[in-house]
Amino acid sequence: MLDLKIIREQPDLVKDVIKKRNLKLDLDEFLKIDTKKRELIVKLDNLRETRNKVSKQIPQLSADEKPAKIVEMRALWDDLKVLEEEYRKIEKTWQDLYYQIPNLLDSTAAIWNDDEDNIVEEKFLEPTKFDFTPKPHYEIGEAKWWIDTEKWSKVSGARFWYLKGDIVSLQFALINYAMSKLISKWFNPILPPVLVREKAMYGTWFLPAGEDGSYRVNPDDDDLYLVWTSEVPVTSYHADETLDLEKWAKQYVAYSSCFRKEAWSAWKDMRWILRGHQFDKIEMVVFCKPEESQAMHNKMIAIEEEIWQGLWIPYQKLNVCSGDLWNPAMKKYDLEAWMPWQDKYREVTSCSNVWEYQSRRLNIKYKDENWKKQYVHTLNWTIIAMSRCMIAIIENYQTREGDVIIPEVLRPFIGKDKI
C-alpha cells in the first residue's frame, strides 16, 4: 500500500498516477473519509482519557458525591460506544478505499492506456518460419498422447488438464534448467505452501483486488486461499520481520502449482494449455534496500532474457504501460514468446518492481546505515510458466512429421534430442 504521508501531502501526484493507470477511483472521497477518521480518533482519545480520569476519581469521593460521578461515567460510556461504532464503520470504508490506491509509477515506466500501448523495447530472433503449415500445440499433444482432452473434463471440469509421457519429462527438464541457472546466480530455492491465510493474500494485494479470481477453501473451518502465484507465500515468508540486508539482498526462487478461477476469460483458449485453473510456475522474489531495487530489477530481467535466449525461442520484451499495470507494480517488463500457430506473440513471463507497496502491508523492514528501520523493496518475477513455455517449445520446434526437437540446453536434463 502507498505511504499515507504521500497521499495526504501530495494528493495531486496520486491523482495523476490514478489517471495514468486508467483507474476509476475518487481520491477526494478517500481524503474526506481520512479526515473524518482522524477527527474521530481525537474524540475517542479524549473520551477515553476523561473516562480513565473519572474512574480514578470515583473511589476517592464521598458517598454524597459518588452518584453524580457514576451518572457522568455512564454517559461517557454511552458516548464512547456510539463513537466506537461510528469509528468501526468508517474504518471499514477507509480500508476498502485505501487498499485500492495504487503505487506510484517509476519514472521510466511507459505511460499509456492499455495493453495495446505496451512498448516493445527489443526483440530476440525473428518469428519462426516453416516450409509446412505449423500445427497448434494441442493437436501435436493429442496425437502424441501427451495431453488428455477427455478425462480432464470428466474429473475436474473445464480448464484443467492431464499431461502425460514426454511432455512431463519436458516440464521437469525446464524446471531443472531454470532452477540450476538461478541457483548458480545465488538465488535460494524454496518450495512454498500453496494454501495461505487471508493475511498473506492481503499483504501481497491479491485481496481484495483478486477476490473474484481466488479459490477460497473451507471458509467455515480452515479459511485458506489457494495462491495465484508463489509470490504470495514467499513474500509473506518474512512478514513482521526486520531483515539483515547489510551485505546482500535476499533472493529466492520458488516452484509451485498456482490456482486462478480465470472467470474473466470464459470460453477463451479452451483447448489450449495456455490458460487454466491450475498451472505450475517458477517465480523469483527479492527483498532489497530501496536504493538497490532499480538495479535489481534490471538484473532480474537480464537473467530472464538469458534463460529464454538459452531456449532459443523468439520473443519480444515489453515495457508494460501504466494502464496495464496492476496496482502494486511501479514498473513491469513482460516477455512475449512467438506462438507460430497463432501467428502472434503471447505473454510468457513478467518481472515487477513493487517498491515498498507489499512490505508496508506485511510489515517487512530492514535497518539502514543509521540503524533506523525502513521498509524493504520487493520484486517478483515469473520466469517460466510451465504450460506457456511448453507451448512455445512445441510450436517453435515442431517438425513436419509432428515431432518436437528439444532445445539444446534442455537435452542434458531430458536425455533426448527429439520427442
Protein backbone atom coordinates (compact mmCIF):
# COMPACT_ATOMS: atom_id res chain seq x y z
CA MET A 1 0.00 0.00 0.00
CA LEU A 2 1.10 3.55 -0.61
CA ASP A 3 2.56 5.68 2.17
CA LEU A 4 -0.28 7.69 3.75
CA LYS A 5 2.01 10.69 4.06
CA ILE A 6 2.34 10.83 0.27
CA ILE A 7 -1.44 10.55 -0.20
CA ARG A 8 -2.18 13.31 2.32
CA GLU A 9 0.60 15.70 1.37
CA GLN A 10 0.77 15.13 -2.40
CA PRO A 11 -2.80 14.33 -3.49
CA ASP A 12 -2.29 15.81 -6.97
CA LEU A 13 0.61 13.42 -7.57
CA VAL A 14 -1.53 10.45 -6.55
CA LYS A 15 -4.46 11.65 -8.68
CA ASP A 16 -2.13 11.87 -11.67
CA VAL A 17 -0.99 8.27 -11.07
CA ILE A 18 -4.62 7.10 -10.82
CA LYS A 19 -5.38 8.83 -14.12
CA LYS A 20 -2.33 7.35 -15.86
CA ARG A 21 -3.26 3.90 -14.62
CA ASN A 22 -6.74 4.37 -16.08
CA LEU A 23 -8.43 3.63 -12.74
CA LYS A 24 -11.82 4.78 -11.54
CA LEU A 25 -11.01 5.87 -8.02
CA ASP A 26 -12.17 9.00 -6.20
CA LEU A 27 -9.19 10.14 -4.12
CA ASP A 28 -11.10 13.16 -2.79
CA GLU A 29 -13.65 10.80 -1.26
CA PHE A 30 -10.87 8.88 0.45
CA LEU A 31 -9.27 12.08 1.77
CA LYS A 32 -12.63 13.22 3.15
CA ILE A 33 -13.10 9.91 4.97
CA ASP A 34 -9.48 10.01 6.12
CA THR A 35 -10.05 13.42 7.71
CA LYS A 36 -13.23 12.19 9.40
CA LYS A 37 -11.41 9.13 10.70
CA ARG A 38 -8.64 11.24 12.24
CA GLU A 39 -11.19 13.55 13.86
CA LEU A 40 -12.93 10.53 15.39
CA ILE A 41 -9.62 9.21 16.73
CA VAL A 42 -9.05 12.52 18.55
CA LYS A 43 -12.58 12.45 20.03
CA LEU A 44 -12.18 8.84 21.12
CA ASP A 45 -8.82 9.50 22.73
CA ASN A 46 -10.25 12.47 24.63
CA LEU A 47 -13.26 10.49 25.85
CA ARG A 48 -11.09 7.58 26.96
CA GLU A 49 -8.77 9.94 28.81
CA THR A 50 -11.75 11.52 30.60
CA ARG A 51 -13.19 8.08 31.39
CA ASN A 52 -9.92 6.94 32.92
CA LYS A 53 -9.67 10.13 34.97
CA VAL A 54 -13.24 9.82 36.29
CA SER A 55 -12.71 6.11 37.05
CA LYS A 56 -9.78 7.03 39.30
CA GLN A 57 -11.76 9.82 40.99
CA ILE A 58 -14.85 7.78 41.96
CA PRO A 59 -13.22 5.62 44.71
CA GLN A 60 -11.90 8.76 46.39
CA LEU A 61 -15.27 10.56 46.52
CA SER A 62 -17.66 10.76 49.43
CA ALA A 63 -20.93 8.83 49.44
CA ASP A 64 -22.81 12.00 48.52
CA GLU A 65 -20.52 12.81 45.57
CA LYS A 66 -20.35 9.34 44.03
CA PRO A 67 -23.85 9.07 42.48
CA ALA A 68 -23.38 12.13 40.28
CA LYS A 69 -19.99 10.90 39.08
CA ILE A 70 -21.38 7.45 38.34
CA VAL A 71 -24.11 9.04 36.20
CA GLU A 72 -21.42 11.05 34.45
CA MET A 73 -19.42 7.84 33.88
CA ARG A 74 -22.44 6.05 32.37
CA ALA A 75 -23.00 8.96 29.99
CA LEU A 76 -19.33 8.77 29.00
CA TRP A 77 -19.63 5.04 28.32
CA ASP A 78 -22.72 5.61 26.16
CA ASP A 79 -20.99 8.35 24.17
CA LEU A 80 -17.93 6.16 23.79
CA LYS A 81 -19.96 3.21 22.46
CA VAL A 82 -21.65 5.43 19.87
CA LEU A 83 -18.32 6.86 18.71
CA GLU A 84 -16.64 3.45 18.63
CA GLU A 85 -19.41 2.06 16.45
CA GLU A 86 -19.14 5.07 14.14
CA TYR A 87 -15.38 4.57 14.01
CA ARG A 88 -15.70 0.86 13.13
CA LYS A 89 -17.93 1.71 10.18
CA ILE A 90 -15.74 4.50 8.87
CA GLU A 91 -12.59 2.39 9.38
CA LYS A 92 -14.05 -0.34 7.17
CA THR A 93 -14.87 2.17 4.41
CA TRP A 94 -11.43 3.78 4.84
CA GLN A 95 -9.64 0.44 4.48
CA ASP A 96 -11.67 -0.57 1.42
CA LEU A 97 -10.66 2.65 -0.33
CA TYR A 98 -7.08 2.72 0.94
CA TYR A 99 -6.35 -0.77 -0.41
CA GLN A 100 -7.46 0.39 -3.87
CA ILE A 101 -4.97 3.25 -4.09
CA PRO A 102 -2.18 2.19 -6.46
CA ASN A 103 1.56 2.51 -6.15
CA LEU A 104 3.42 5.41 -7.69
CA LEU A 105 4.96 4.94 -11.14
CA ASP A 106 8.62 4.58 -11.92
CA SER A 107 9.96 7.47 -13.99
CA THR A 108 10.88 5.02 -16.77
CA ALA A 109 7.51 3.21 -16.88
CA ALA A 110 5.61 3.55 -20.15
CA ILE A 111 2.62 5.91 -19.82
CA TRP A 112 -0.32 4.77 -21.97
CA ASN A 113 -3.85 3.42 -21.59
CA ASP A 114 -3.92 -0.37 -22.00
CA ASP A 115 -2.04 -3.46 -23.21
CA GLU A 116 -2.30 -2.31 -26.82
CA ASP A 117 0.07 0.52 -25.87
CA ASN A 118 2.83 -1.56 -24.25
CA ILE A 119 6.20 -0.55 -25.67
CA VAL A 120 8.35 -3.16 -27.40
CA GLU A 121 11.88 -2.31 -26.27
CA GLU A 122 13.70 -5.14 -28.04
CA LYS A 123 13.24 -8.43 -29.84
CA PHE A 124 15.18 -11.69 -29.85
CA LEU A 125 15.24 -13.63 -33.13
CA GLU A 126 12.78 -13.33 -35.96
CA PRO A 127 9.46 -15.22 -35.79
CA THR A 128 9.92 -18.90 -36.66
CA LYS A 129 9.19 -19.79 -40.28
CA PHE A 130 8.29 -23.25 -41.61
CA ASP A 131 8.13 -24.84 -45.06
CA PHE A 132 4.91 -26.51 -43.94
CA THR A 133 1.75 -25.39 -42.15
CA PRO A 134 2.52 -25.43 -38.41
CA LYS A 135 0.09 -27.13 -36.06
CA PRO A 136 -1.19 -25.87 -32.70
CA HIS A 137 0.43 -27.47 -29.67
CA TYR A 138 -2.77 -29.26 -28.67
CA GLU A 139 -3.02 -31.13 -31.98
CA ILE A 140 0.56 -32.34 -31.62
CA GLY A 141 -0.02 -33.13 -27.94
CA GLU A 142 -3.22 -35.07 -28.58
CA ALA A 143 -1.65 -37.05 -31.42
CA LYS A 144 1.28 -37.96 -29.16
CA TRP A 145 -0.99 -38.74 -26.18
CA TRP A 146 0.76 -36.02 -24.18
CA ILE A 147 -2.42 -34.04 -23.47
CA ASP A 148 -5.61 -35.82 -22.43
CA THR A 149 -8.56 -33.80 -23.70
CA GLU A 150 -11.30 -36.15 -22.49
CA LYS A 151 -10.61 -37.16 -18.91
CA TRP A 152 -9.68 -33.71 -17.65
CA SER A 153 -13.30 -32.56 -18.08
CA LYS A 154 -14.70 -35.76 -16.51
CA VAL A 155 -12.54 -35.50 -13.40
CA SER A 156 -12.20 -31.75 -12.81
CA GLY A 157 -14.20 -29.81 -15.41
CA ALA A 158 -13.04 -27.19 -17.89
CA ARG A 159 -9.61 -25.53 -17.75
CA PHE A 160 -7.79 -28.44 -16.14
CA TRP A 161 -5.58 -30.93 -17.95
CA TYR A 162 -3.68 -34.18 -17.74
CA LEU A 163 -0.12 -34.13 -19.10
CA LYS A 164 1.50 -37.48 -19.84
CA GLY A 165 4.61 -39.07 -21.26
CA ASP A 166 7.33 -36.98 -22.88
CA ILE A 167 5.67 -33.65 -22.16
CA VAL A 168 6.00 -34.40 -18.43
CA SER A 169 9.71 -35.09 -18.97
CA LEU A 170 9.91 -31.78 -20.84
CA GLN A 171 8.39 -29.94 -17.88
CA PHE A 172 10.88 -31.45 -15.44
CA ALA A 173 13.72 -30.59 -17.83
CA LEU A 174 12.56 -26.97 -17.82
CA ILE A 175 12.40 -26.97 -14.01
CA ASN A 176 15.93 -28.35 -13.72
CA TYR A 177 17.29 -25.97 -16.36
CA ALA A 178 15.81 -22.82 -14.81
CA MET A 179 16.47 -23.80 -11.19
CA SER A 180 20.11 -24.73 -11.82
CA LYS A 181 20.65 -21.45 -13.67
CA LEU A 182 19.16 -19.38 -10.84
CA ILE A 183 20.87 -21.29 -8.04
CA SER A 184 24.18 -20.60 -9.78
CA LYS A 185 23.29 -16.90 -9.54
CA TRP A 186 22.80 -17.12 -5.76
CA PHE A 187 19.03 -17.47 -5.66
CA ASN A 188 17.94 -19.59 -2.72
CA PRO A 189 15.50 -22.35 -3.81
CA ILE A 190 12.27 -22.66 -1.84
CA LEU A 191 9.15 -24.85 -2.12
CA PRO A 192 6.32 -22.87 -0.50
CA PRO A 193 2.84 -23.93 0.62
CA VAL A 194 0.06 -23.24 -1.87
CA LEU A 195 -2.63 -22.71 0.77
CA VAL A 196 -2.30 -19.46 2.71
CA ARG A 197 -4.21 -17.38 5.22
CA GLU A 198 -6.03 -14.19 4.39
CA LYS A 199 -3.19 -12.00 5.69
CA ALA A 200 -0.81 -13.33 3.02
CA MET A 201 -3.32 -12.59 0.26
CA TYR A 202 -3.99 -9.08 1.60
CA GLY A 203 -0.32 -8.45 2.19
CA THR A 204 0.59 -9.12 -1.43
CA TRP A 205 -2.51 -7.32 -2.82
CA PHE A 206 -4.35 -10.38 -4.15
CA LEU A 207 -7.14 -9.49 -1.73
CA PRO A 208 -9.41 -7.69 -2.05
CA ALA A 209 -8.46 -6.98 -5.67
CA GLY A 210 -8.33 -10.59 -6.82
CA GLU A 211 -11.15 -11.97 -4.71
CA ASP A 212 -13.29 -12.93 -7.72
CA GLY A 213 -10.42 -14.94 -9.18
CA SER A 214 -9.32 -16.68 -5.97
CA TYR A 215 -10.22 -20.11 -4.66
CA ARG A 216 -11.25 -19.95 -1.01
CA VAL A 217 -11.03 -23.25 0.87
CA ASN A 218 -13.19 -24.30 3.87
CA PRO A 219 -14.24 -20.75 4.88
CA ASP A 220 -16.03 -22.04 7.99
CA ASP A 221 -13.08 -24.13 9.12
CA ASP A 222 -9.53 -23.50 7.86
CA ASP A 223 -10.42 -20.39 5.82
CA LEU A 224 -7.44 -20.65 3.50
CA TYR A 225 -6.83 -19.49 -0.06
CA LEU A 226 -5.12 -21.28 -2.94
CA VAL A 227 -2.36 -19.00 -4.20
CA TRP A 228 -2.36 -17.27 -7.58
CA THR A 229 1.43 -17.38 -7.55
CA SER A 230 4.23 -18.41 -5.20
CA GLU A 231 4.92 -14.68 -4.85
CA VAL A 232 2.22 -14.76 -2.17
CA PRO A 233 3.72 -17.31 0.28
CA VAL A 234 7.35 -16.39 -0.46
CA THR A 235 6.87 -12.63 0.06
CA SER A 236 4.82 -13.40 3.18
CA TYR A 237 7.62 -15.64 4.49
CA HIS A 238 9.28 -12.58 6.06
CA ALA A 239 6.12 -10.85 7.32
CA ASP A 240 6.66 -8.84 10.53
CA GLU A 241 10.44 -9.31 10.32
CA THR A 242 13.42 -6.97 10.21
CA LEU A 243 15.82 -8.38 7.61
CA ASP A 244 19.59 -8.19 7.57
CA LEU A 245 20.36 -6.68 4.16
CA GLU A 246 23.74 -5.25 5.12
CA LYS A 247 25.77 -7.44 2.76
CA TRP A 248 23.29 -8.52 0.12
CA ALA A 249 19.64 -8.77 -0.84
CA LYS A 250 17.55 -11.83 -0.03
CA GLN A 251 16.91 -13.72 -3.28
CA TYR A 252 14.53 -16.66 -3.60
CA VAL A 253 13.50 -18.87 -6.49
CA ALA A 254 10.29 -20.84 -5.91
CA TYR A 255 8.50 -23.61 -7.74
CA SER A 256 4.80 -24.25 -7.09
CA SER A 257 1.42 -25.00 -8.52
CA CYS A 258 -0.83 -21.95 -8.82
CA PHE A 259 -4.61 -21.55 -8.97
CA ARG A 260 -6.92 -18.98 -10.56
CA LYS A 261 -10.58 -19.05 -11.49
CA GLU A 262 -9.93 -17.18 -14.75
CA ALA A 263 -13.55 -16.00 -14.52
CA TRP A 264 -12.89 -13.07 -16.88
CA SER A 265 -11.65 -15.28 -19.72
CA ALA A 266 -14.60 -17.64 -20.19
CA TRP A 267 -14.51 -19.66 -23.42
CA LYS A 268 -11.11 -18.31 -24.44
CA ASP A 269 -8.33 -20.73 -25.39
CA MET A 270 -10.38 -23.68 -24.14
CA ARG A 271 -8.38 -26.36 -25.98
CA TRP A 272 -5.05 -24.82 -25.11
CA ILE A 273 -2.97 -25.47 -22.02
CA LEU A 274 -2.37 -21.72 -22.12
CA ARG A 275 -4.93 -20.61 -19.56
CA GLY A 276 -6.02 -22.98 -16.82
CA HIS A 277 -7.31 -23.01 -13.28
CA GLN A 278 -4.20 -24.90 -12.14
CA PHE A 279 -0.73 -24.38 -13.56
CA ASP A 280 2.91 -24.57 -12.46
CA LYS A 281 5.43 -21.72 -12.33
CA ILE A 282 8.95 -20.83 -11.35
CA GLU A 283 8.97 -17.48 -9.57
CA MET A 284 11.71 -15.24 -8.21
CA VAL A 285 11.13 -12.99 -5.19
CA VAL A 286 13.71 -10.48 -3.98
CA PHE A 287 13.93 -8.32 -0.82
CA CYS A 288 16.40 -5.45 -1.08
CA LYS A 289 17.23 -1.92 0.06
CA PRO A 290 15.35 0.89 -1.72
CA GLU A 291 18.48 2.22 -3.39
CA GLU A 292 19.16 -1.22 -4.89
CA SER A 293 15.74 -2.07 -6.31
CA GLN A 294 16.07 -0.46 -9.74
CA ALA A 295 19.41 -2.17 -10.39
CA MET A 296 17.94 -5.42 -9.07
CA HIS A 297 15.01 -5.10 -11.47
CA ASN A 298 17.43 -4.72 -14.38
CA LYS A 299 19.43 -7.72 -13.12
CA MET A 300 16.32 -9.89 -12.94
CA ILE A 301 15.14 -9.06 -16.43
CA ALA A 302 18.66 -9.74 -17.74
CA ILE A 303 18.61 -13.23 -16.16
CA GLU A 304 15.13 -13.77 -17.57
CA GLU A 305 16.32 -12.96 -21.07
CA GLU A 306 19.40 -15.16 -20.62
CA ILE A 307 17.18 -18.13 -19.78
CA TRP A 308 14.81 -17.58 -22.71
CA GLN A 309 17.66 -16.91 -25.11
CA GLY A 310 19.13 -20.22 -23.98
CA LEU A 311 15.89 -21.87 -25.12
CA TRP A 312 16.36 -20.09 -28.48
CA ILE A 313 12.73 -19.05 -28.75
CA PRO A 314 11.78 -15.77 -30.46
CA TYR A 315 10.40 -13.21 -28.01
CA GLN A 316 9.80 -9.53 -27.56
CA LYS A 317 10.46 -7.56 -24.38
CA LEU A 318 7.72 -5.12 -23.34
CA ASN A 319 7.85 -2.12 -21.05
CA VAL A 320 4.32 -2.54 -19.70
CA CYS A 321 2.35 0.70 -19.86
CA SER A 322 0.71 2.39 -16.86
CA GLY A 323 -2.83 1.46 -17.92
CA ASP A 324 -1.90 -2.24 -17.97
CA LEU A 325 -0.04 -2.32 -14.64
CA TRP A 326 -1.58 -3.93 -11.58
CA ASN A 327 -1.71 -1.61 -8.57
CA PRO A 328 1.44 -2.81 -6.74
CA ALA A 329 3.87 -2.53 -9.67
CA MET A 330 5.76 0.71 -10.26
CA LYS A 331 7.28 -0.81 -13.37
CA LYS A 332 6.95 -4.16 -15.11
CA TYR A 333 8.61 -5.91 -18.00
CA ASP A 334 6.92 -8.77 -19.86
CA LEU A 335 8.43 -11.21 -22.28
CA GLU A 336 6.11 -12.43 -25.02
CA ALA A 337 7.14 -15.58 -26.86
CA TRP A 338 6.30 -16.22 -30.51
CA MET A 339 3.44 -18.71 -30.92
CA PRO A 340 3.60 -19.86 -34.58
CA TRP A 341 0.11 -21.34 -34.89
CA GLN A 342 -1.49 -18.12 -33.59
CA ASP A 343 0.93 -16.06 -35.65
CA LYS A 344 1.43 -13.70 -32.70
CA TYR A 345 3.41 -13.11 -29.51
CA ARG A 346 1.86 -14.20 -26.19
CA GLU A 347 2.92 -13.29 -22.67
CA VAL A 348 5.10 -15.93 -21.00
CA THR A 349 6.87 -14.03 -18.19
CA SER A 350 6.56 -10.85 -16.13
CA CYS A 351 9.01 -9.03 -13.89
CA SER A 352 7.74 -6.35 -11.47
CA ASN A 353 9.30 -3.88 -9.08
CA VAL A 354 6.71 -3.05 -6.41
CA TRP A 355 8.95 -0.96 -4.14
CA GLU A 356 7.52 -0.89 -0.57
CA TYR A 357 3.89 -1.49 -1.57
CA GLN A 358 3.86 -5.06 -0.23
CA SER A 359 6.35 -4.60 2.60
CA ARG A 360 4.12 -1.93 4.16
CA ARG A 361 1.20 -4.34 4.19
CA LEU A 362 3.32 -7.21 5.51
CA ASN A 363 5.49 -5.08 7.82
CA ILE A 364 8.85 -6.19 6.39
CA LYS A 365 11.73 -3.86 7.28
CA TYR A 366 15.49 -3.57 7.41
CA LYS A 367 17.89 -1.28 9.32
CA ASP A 368 19.56 1.47 7.30
CA GLU A 369 23.07 2.81 7.87
CA ASN A 370 21.77 4.82 10.84
CA TRP A 371 20.12 1.71 12.33
CA LYS A 372 16.72 3.18 11.64
CA LYS A 373 14.06 0.73 10.48
CA GLN A 374 12.81 1.25 6.91
CA TYR A 375 10.54 -0.75 4.64
CA VAL A 376 12.30 -3.06 2.19
CA HIS A 377 11.60 -3.07 -1.52
CA THR A 378 10.23 -6.28 -3.01
CA LEU A 379 10.41 -7.53 -6.57
CA ASN A 380 8.81 -10.57 -8.17
CA TRP A 381 9.26 -12.34 -11.44
CA THR A 382 7.58 -15.24 -13.18
CA ILE A 383 10.50 -16.69 -15.07
CA ILE A 384 8.75 -19.74 -16.52
CA ALA A 385 5.04 -20.51 -16.54
CA MET A 386 5.37 -24.17 -17.47
CA SER A 387 2.39 -24.67 -19.77
CA ARG A 388 3.06 -21.50 -21.77
CA CYS A 389 6.73 -22.27 -22.11
CA MET A 390 5.95 -25.77 -23.35
CA ILE A 391 3.51 -24.35 -25.89
CA ALA A 392 6.29 -22.12 -27.20
CA ILE A 393 8.73 -25.04 -27.41
CA ILE A 394 6.27 -27.44 -29.05
CA GLU A 395 5.13 -24.94 -31.68
CA ASN A 396 8.52 -23.38 -32.48
CA TYR A 397 10.41 -26.70 -32.53
CA GLN A 398 7.81 -28.85 -34.32
CA THR A 399 8.74 -30.87 -37.40
CA ARG A 400 6.77 -31.75 -40.49
CA GLU A 401 6.38 -35.28 -39.11
CA GLY A 402 4.74 -33.97 -35.91
CA ASP A 403 7.74 -34.48 -33.64
CA VAL A 404 9.32 -31.83 -31.43
CA ILE A 405 13.05 -31.06 -31.39
CA ILE A 406 14.36 -30.49 -27.85
CA PRO A 407 16.21 -27.18 -27.30
CA GLU A 408 19.90 -27.90 -26.84
CA VAL A 409 20.05 -26.50 -23.27
CA LEU A 410 17.37 -28.96 -22.15
CA ARG A 411 18.89 -32.11 -23.64
CA PRO A 412 21.16 -32.88 -20.63
CA PHE A 413 18.06 -32.82 -18.41
CA ILE A 414 15.75 -34.86 -20.64
CA GLY A 415 18.24 -37.21 -22.30
CA LYS A 416 16.67 -36.87 -25.76
CA ASP A 417 17.16 -34.75 -28.88
CA LYS A 418 13.58 -35.19 -30.05
CA ILE A 419 10.22 -36.30 -28.67
